[in-house]
Amino acid sequence: MKIYVTGRPGIGKSTVVLKVINKLREANVKIGGILCPEVRGSHGGRVGFKIVDIFTGKNGWLAHKQLFKEGPRIGRYIVNTHDVLNVGVTALKNALDNADVIVIDEVGPMELSVHELRSEILNVLSKGVNVLAVVHYRLRDPTILKTLKSYKRYEVTINNRDVLPNIIVNEILKS
């Protein structure tokens, strides 16, 4: 089963995927891949994003506003190439070998700014494996968009975000 979710920023895409992960784990499905949760500072504002290997829990910084001096700049954030390679690329390669479902949260500008991670994301998306991806709502990468044409697409909205996890879990379990 190849599924991706998209939608406006802050609508709940990652929350939907986290609920799917938890429900699939309850059904003894092995989940691998990456999560890229936001990190908020003591003042409550977003300061960056982590990158987390779902299978092992290993994590690092995907991007931060102030911690890094070098790396691709996406808006106010600088991408941490070191952790992207050591956590993100490794997580996706391991997921191909060990997971029943591979999650990519998210396919967006930060993740795609590092060539090796972009290549591994494209590799996973192109394989005949079960994938659940979060896709940035303004993604413009023509190669990835072409690959996603074979995927089932769900747009997360206020009206469906509470029922969508069960719909996606049912589709994955019946595949």
C-alpha atoms as a PDB file:
ATOM      1  CA  MET A   1       0.000   0.000   0.000  1.00  0.00           C
ATOM      2  CA  LYS A   2       1.375   3.376  -1.010  1.00  0.00           C
ATOM      3  CA  ILE A   3      -0.292   6.320   0.725  1.00  0.00           C
ATOM      4  CA  TYR A   4       0.578   9.925   1.278  1.00  0.00           C
ATOM      5  CA  VAL A   5      -1.086  12.646   3.263  1.00  0.00           C
ATOM      6  CA  THR A   6      -0.871  16.339   2.576  1.00  0.00           C
ATOM      7  CA  GLY A   7      -2.571  19.495   3.752  1.00  0.00           C
ATOM      8  CA  ARG A   8      -2.070  22.976   5.121  1.00  0.00           C
ATOM      9  CA  PRO A   9       0.630  23.599   7.722  1.00  0.00           C
ATOM     10  CA  GLY A  10      -0.592  22.885  11.240  1.00  0.00           C
ATOM     11  CA  ILE A  11      -3.679  20.938  10.104  1.00  0.00           C
ATOM     12  CA  GLY A  12      -2.540  17.682  11.752  1.00  0.00           C
ATOM     13  CA  LYS A  13      -0.715  15.650   9.096  1.00  0.00           C
ATOM     14  CA  SER A  14       2.005  14.450  11.440  1.00  0.00           C
ATOM     15  CA  THR A  15      -0.526  13.772  14.182  1.00  0.00           C
ATOM     16  CA  VAL A  16      -2.493  11.558  11.780  1.00  0.00           C
ATOM     17  CA  VAL A  17       0.693   9.649  10.933  1.00  0.00           C
ATOM     18  CA  LEU A  18       1.659   9.237  14.608  1.00  0.00           C
ATOM     19  CA  LYS A  19      -1.786   7.776  15.335  1.00  0.00           C
ATOM     20  CA  VAL A  20      -1.381   5.390  12.385  1.00  0.00           C
ATOM     21  CA  ILE A  21       2.042   4.313  13.678  1.00  0.00           C
ATOM     22  CA  ASN A  22       0.632   3.591  17.147  1.00  0.00           C
ATOM     23  CA  LYS A  23      -2.303   1.590  15.774  1.00  0.00           C
ATOM     24  CA  LEU A  24      -0.048  -0.418  13.447  1.00  0.00           C
ATOM     25  CA  ARG A  25       2.343  -1.190  16.303  1.00  0.00           C
ATOM     26  CA  GLU A  26      -0.631  -2.502  18.304  1.00  0.00           C
ATOM     27  CA  ALA A  27      -1.244  -4.860  15.364  1.00  0.00           C
ATOM     28  CA  ASN A  28       2.422  -5.998  15.539  1.00  0.00           C
ATOM     29  CA  VAL A  29       3.385  -4.271  12.297  1.00  0.00           C
ATOM     30  CA  LYS A  30       7.078  -3.321  12.122  1.00  0.00           C
ATOM     31  CA  ILE A  31       7.399   0.394  11.356  1.00  0.00           C
ATOM     32  CA  GLY A  32      10.584   2.051  10.120  1.00  0.00           C
ATOM     33  CA  GLY A  33      11.521   5.343   8.547  1.00  0.00           C
ATOM     34  CA  ILE A  34      11.775   8.910   9.798  1.00  0.00           C
ATOM     35  CA  LEU A  35       9.813  11.470  11.755  1.00  0.00           C
ATOM     36  CA  CYS A  36      10.729  15.159  11.729  1.00  0.00           C
ATOM     37  CA  PRO A  37       8.920  16.775  14.664  1.00  0.00           C
ATOM     38  CA  GLU A  38       9.188  20.472  15.372  1.00  0.00           C
ATOM     39  CA  VAL A  39      10.992  21.652  18.495  1.00  0.00           C
ATOM     40  CA  ARG A  40       9.790  24.657  20.454  1.00  0.00           C
ATOM     41  CA  GLY A  41      11.976  26.791  22.677  1.00  0.00           C
ATOM     42  CA  SER A  42      11.286  27.991  26.201  1.00  0.00           C
ATOM     43  CA  HIS A  43       9.446  31.007  24.786  1.00  0.00           C
ATOM     44  CA  GLY A  44       7.035  28.701  22.935  1.00  0.00           C
ATOM     45  CA  GLY A  45       8.209  29.551  19.423  1.00  0.00           C
ATOM     46  CA  ARG A  46       9.568  26.972  17.000  1.00  0.00           C
ATOM     47  CA  VAL A  47      13.371  26.819  16.998  1.00  0.00           C
ATOM     48  CA  GLY A  48      13.953  23.819  14.775  1.00  0.00           C
ATOM     49  CA  PHE A  49      13.149  20.271  13.770  1.00  0.00           C
ATOM     50  CA  LYS A  50      14.540  16.929  14.907  1.00  0.00           C
ATOM     51  CA  ILE A  51      15.022  13.900  12.684  1.00  0.00           C
ATOM     52  CA  VAL A  52      14.147  10.601  14.365  1.00  0.00           C
ATOM     53  CA  ASP A  53      14.738   7.004  13.275  1.00  0.00           C
ATOM     54  CA  ILE A  54      11.376   5.359  14.034  1.00  0.00           C
ATOM     55  CA  PHE A  55      12.888   1.885  14.357  1.00  0.00           C
ATOM     56  CA  THR A  56      15.741   2.692  16.763  1.00  0.00           C
ATOM     57  CA  GLY A  57      14.746   6.008  18.324  1.00  0.00           C
ATOM     58  CA  LYS A  58      18.106   7.514  17.324  1.00  0.00           C
ATOM     59  CA  ASN A  59      17.675  11.224  16.661  1.00  0.00           C
ATOM     60  CA  GLY A  60      19.471  14.399  15.744  1.00  0.00           C
ATOM     61  CA  TRP A  61      18.786  17.854  14.426  1.00  0.00           C
ATOM     62  CA  LEU A  62      17.230  18.158  10.979  1.00  0.00           C
ATOM     63  CA  ALA A  63      17.419  21.958  11.123  1.00  0.00           C
ATOM     64  CA  HIS A  64      17.679  24.771  13.620  1.00  0.00           C
ATOM     65  CA  LYS A  65      17.529  28.548  13.574  1.00  0.00           C
ATOM     66  CA  GLN A  66      20.785  29.107  15.493  1.00  0.00           C
ATOM     67  CA  LEU A  67      22.802  25.958  16.200  1.00  0.00           C
ATOM     68  CA  PHE A  68      24.422  25.527  12.794  1.00  0.00           C
ATOM     69  CA  LYS A  69      26.545  27.847  10.667  1.00  0.00           C
ATOM     70  CA  GLU A  70      26.832  25.658   7.552  1.00  0.00           C
ATOM     71  CA  GLY A  71      24.294  23.722   5.539  1.00  0.00           C
ATOM     72  CA  PRO A  72      21.388  24.414   3.233  1.00  0.00           C
ATOM     73  CA  ARG A  73      19.224  27.324   4.377  1.00  0.00           C
ATOM     74  CA  ILE A  74      15.460  26.856   4.219  1.00  0.00           C
ATOM     75  CA  GLY A  75      13.751  30.030   5.354  1.00  0.00           C
ATOM     76  CA  ARG A  76      15.066  30.850   8.844  1.00  0.00           C
ATOM     77  CA  TYR A  77      16.501  27.362   9.389  1.00  0.00           C
ATOM     78  CA  ILE A  78      19.864  25.822   8.557  1.00  0.00           C
ATOM     79  CA  VAL A  79      19.757  22.115   7.752  1.00  0.00           C
ATOM     80  CA  ASN A  80      22.212  19.932   9.680  1.00  0.00           C
ATOM     81  CA  THR A  81      23.681  17.737   6.952  1.00  0.00           C
ATOM     82  CA  HIS A  82      25.602  15.573   9.445  1.00  0.00           C
ATOM     83  CA  ASP A  83      22.504  14.361  11.335  1.00  0.00           C
ATOM     84  CA  VAL A  84      20.450  14.112   8.147  1.00  0.00           C
ATOM     85  CA  LEU A  85      23.003  11.638   6.787  1.00  0.00           C
ATOM     86  CA  ASN A  86      23.680   9.737  10.022  1.00  0.00           C
ATOM     87  CA  VAL A  87      20.076   9.482  11.191  1.00  0.00           C
ATOM     88  CA  GLY A  88      17.808  10.033   8.180  1.00  0.00           C
ATOM     89  CA  VAL A  89      19.573   8.190   5.383  1.00  0.00           C
ATOM     90  CA  THR A  90      20.521   5.319   7.700  1.00  0.00           C
ATOM     91  CA  ALA A  91      16.940   5.032   9.011  1.00  0.00           C
ATOM     92  CA  LEU A  92      15.463   4.743   5.520  1.00  0.00           C
ATOM     93  CA  LYS A  93      18.046   2.183   4.393  1.00  0.00           C
ATOM     94  CA  ASN A  94      17.411   0.078   7.509  1.00  0.00           C
ATOM     95  CA  ALA A  95      13.655   0.393   7.049  1.00  0.00           C
ATOM     96  CA  LEU A  96      13.897  -1.076   3.547  1.00  0.00           C
ATOM     97  CA  ASP A  97      15.531  -4.174   5.049  1.00  0.00           C
ATOM     98  CA  ASN A  98      13.494  -4.525   8.247  1.00  0.00           C
ATOM     99  CA  ALA A  99      10.132  -2.751   8.207  1.00  0.00           C
ATOM    100  CA  ASP A 100       6.681  -3.848   7.091  1.00  0.00           C
ATOM    101  CA  VAL A 101       5.705  -0.183   6.585  1.00  0.00           C
ATOM    102  CA  ILE A 102       8.063   2.723   5.933  1.00  0.00           C
ATOM    103  CA  VAL A 103       7.021   6.161   7.168  1.00  0.00           C
ATOM    104  CA  ILE A 104       8.518   9.367   5.792  1.00  0.00           C
ATOM    105  CA  ASP A 105       7.476  12.478   7.737  1.00  0.00           C
ATOM    106  CA  GLU A 106       7.994  14.582   5.777  1.00  0.00           C
ATOM    107  CA  VAL A 107       8.834  14.921   2.108  1.00  0.00           C
ATOM    108  CA  GLY A 108       9.504  18.649   2.134  1.00  0.00           C
ATOM    109  CA  PRO A 109      12.093  21.332   1.385  1.00  0.00           C
ATOM    110  CA  MET A 110      14.351  20.640   4.382  1.00  0.00           C
ATOM    111  CA  GLU A 111      14.508  16.901   3.834  1.00  0.00           C
ATOM    112  CA  LEU A 112      15.025  17.289   0.085  1.00  0.00           C
ATOM    113  CA  SER A 113      17.782  19.899   0.480  1.00  0.00           C
ATOM    114  CA  VAL A 114      20.361  17.194   1.224  1.00  0.00           C
ATOM    115  CA  HIS A 115      21.092  15.221  -1.925  1.00  0.00           C
ATOM    116  CA  GLU A 116      21.678  11.877  -0.195  1.00  0.00           C
ATOM    117  CA  LEU A 117      18.422  12.023   1.771  1.00  0.00           C
ATOM    118  CA  ARG A 118      16.491  13.125  -1.317  1.00  0.00           C
ATOM    119  CA  SER A 119      17.952  10.142  -3.201  1.00  0.00           C
ATOM    120  CA  GLU A 120      17.032   7.721  -0.409  1.00  0.00           C
ATOM    121  CA  ILE A 121      13.501   9.163  -0.138  1.00  0.00           C
ATOM    122  CA  LEU A 122      13.072   8.721  -3.883  1.00  0.00           C
ATOM    123  CA  ASN A 123      14.470   5.197  -3.626  1.00  0.00           C
ATOM    124  CA  VAL A 124      11.934   4.262  -0.916  1.00  0.00           C
ATOM    125  CA  LEU A 125       9.037   5.928  -2.754  1.00  0.00           C
ATOM    126  CA  SER A 126       9.930   4.004  -5.918  1.00  0.00           C
ATOM    127  CA  LYS A 127      10.207   0.553  -4.327  1.00  0.00           C
ATOM    128  CA  GLY A 128       7.435  -2.004  -4.107  1.00  0.00           C
ATOM    129  CA  VAL A 129       7.076  -1.587  -0.337  1.00  0.00           C
ATOM    130  CA  ASN A 130       4.354  -0.261   1.944  1.00  0.00           C
ATOM    131  CA  VAL A 131       4.894   3.464   2.412  1.00  0.00           C
ATOM    132  CA  LEU A 132       3.076   6.152   4.354  1.00  0.00           C
ATOM    133  CA  ALA A 133       4.458   9.619   3.639  1.00  0.00           C
ATOM    134  CA  VAL A 134       3.654  13.164   4.651  1.00  0.00           C
ATOM    135  CA  VAL A 135       4.116  15.427   1.646  1.00  0.00           C
ATOM    136  CA  HIS A 136       4.611  19.175   1.929  1.00  0.00           C
ATOM    137  CA  TYR A 137       1.569  20.894   0.461  1.00  0.00           C
ATOM    138  CA  ARG A 138       3.666  23.021  -1.901  1.00  0.00           C
ATOM    139  CA  LEU A 139       6.106  20.329  -3.023  1.00  0.00           C
ATOM    140  CA  ARG A 140       7.512  21.241  -6.440  1.00  0.00           C
ATOM    141  CA  ASP A 141      10.025  18.435  -7.056  1.00  0.00           C
ATOM    142  CA  PRO A 142       8.927  17.022 -10.451  1.00  0.00           C
ATOM    143  CA  THR A 143      10.622  13.636 -10.018  1.00  0.00           C
ATOM    144  CA  ILE A 144       9.033  12.995  -6.636  1.00  0.00           C
ATOM    145  CA  LEU A 145       5.642  14.309  -7.778  1.00  0.00           C
ATOM    146  CA  LYS A 146       5.756  11.892 -10.727  1.00  0.00           C
ATOM    147  CA  THR A 147       6.552   9.005  -8.376  1.00  0.00           C
ATOM    148  CA  LEU A 148       3.673   9.977  -6.071  1.00  0.00           C
ATOM    149  CA  LYS A 149       1.138   9.695  -8.923  1.00  0.00           C
ATOM    150  CA  SER A 150       0.858   5.963  -8.157  1.00  0.00           C
ATOM    151  CA  TYR A 151       0.087   6.677  -4.471  1.00  0.00           C
ATOM    152  CA  LYS A 152      -3.281   7.054  -2.804  1.00  0.00           C
ATOM    153  CA  ARG A 153      -3.562  10.672  -1.667  1.00  0.00           C
ATOM    154  CA  TYR A 154      -5.401  11.964   1.383  1.00  0.00           C
ATOM    155  CA  GLU A 155      -5.722  15.645   2.145  1.00  0.00           C
ATOM    156  CA  VAL A 156      -5.919  16.190   5.881  1.00  0.00           C
ATOM    157  CA  THR A 157      -8.655  18.643   6.875  1.00  0.00           C
ATOM    158  CA  ILE A 158     -10.312  19.676  10.116  1.00  0.00           C
ATOM    159  CA  ASN A 159     -13.284  17.526   9.076  1.00  0.00           C
ATOM    160  CA  ASN A 160     -11.373  14.268   8.460  1.00  0.00           C
ATOM    161  CA  ARG A 161      -8.287  14.363  10.665  1.00  0.00           C
ATOM    162  CA  ASP A 162      -9.913  12.393  13.484  1.00  0.00           C
ATOM    163  CA  VAL A 163     -11.191   9.552  11.270  1.00  0.00           C
ATOM    164  CA  LEU A 164      -8.287   9.428   8.805  1.00  0.00           C
ATOM    165  CA  PRO A 165      -5.947   7.355  11.016  1.00  0.00           C
ATOM    166  CA  ASN A 166      -8.458   4.474  11.143  1.00  0.00           C
ATOM    167  CA  ILE A 167      -9.077   4.672   7.390  1.00  0.00           C
ATOM    168  CA  ILE A 168      -5.349   4.522   6.654  1.00  0.00           C
ATOM    169  CA  VAL A 169      -4.688   1.721   9.159  1.00  0.00           C
ATOM    170  CA  ASN A 170      -7.502  -0.362   7.632  1.00  0.00           C
ATOM    171  CA  GLU A 171      -6.079   0.131   4.133  1.00  0.00           C
ATOM    172  CA  ILE A 172      -2.584  -0.858   5.219  1.00  0.00           C
ATOM    173  CA  LEU A 173      -3.738  -3.931   7.152  1.00  0.00           C
ATOM    174  CA  LYS A 174      -5.851  -5.242   4.281  1.00  0.00           C
ATOM    175  CA  SER A 175      -3.016  -4.858   1.738  1.00  0.00           C
END
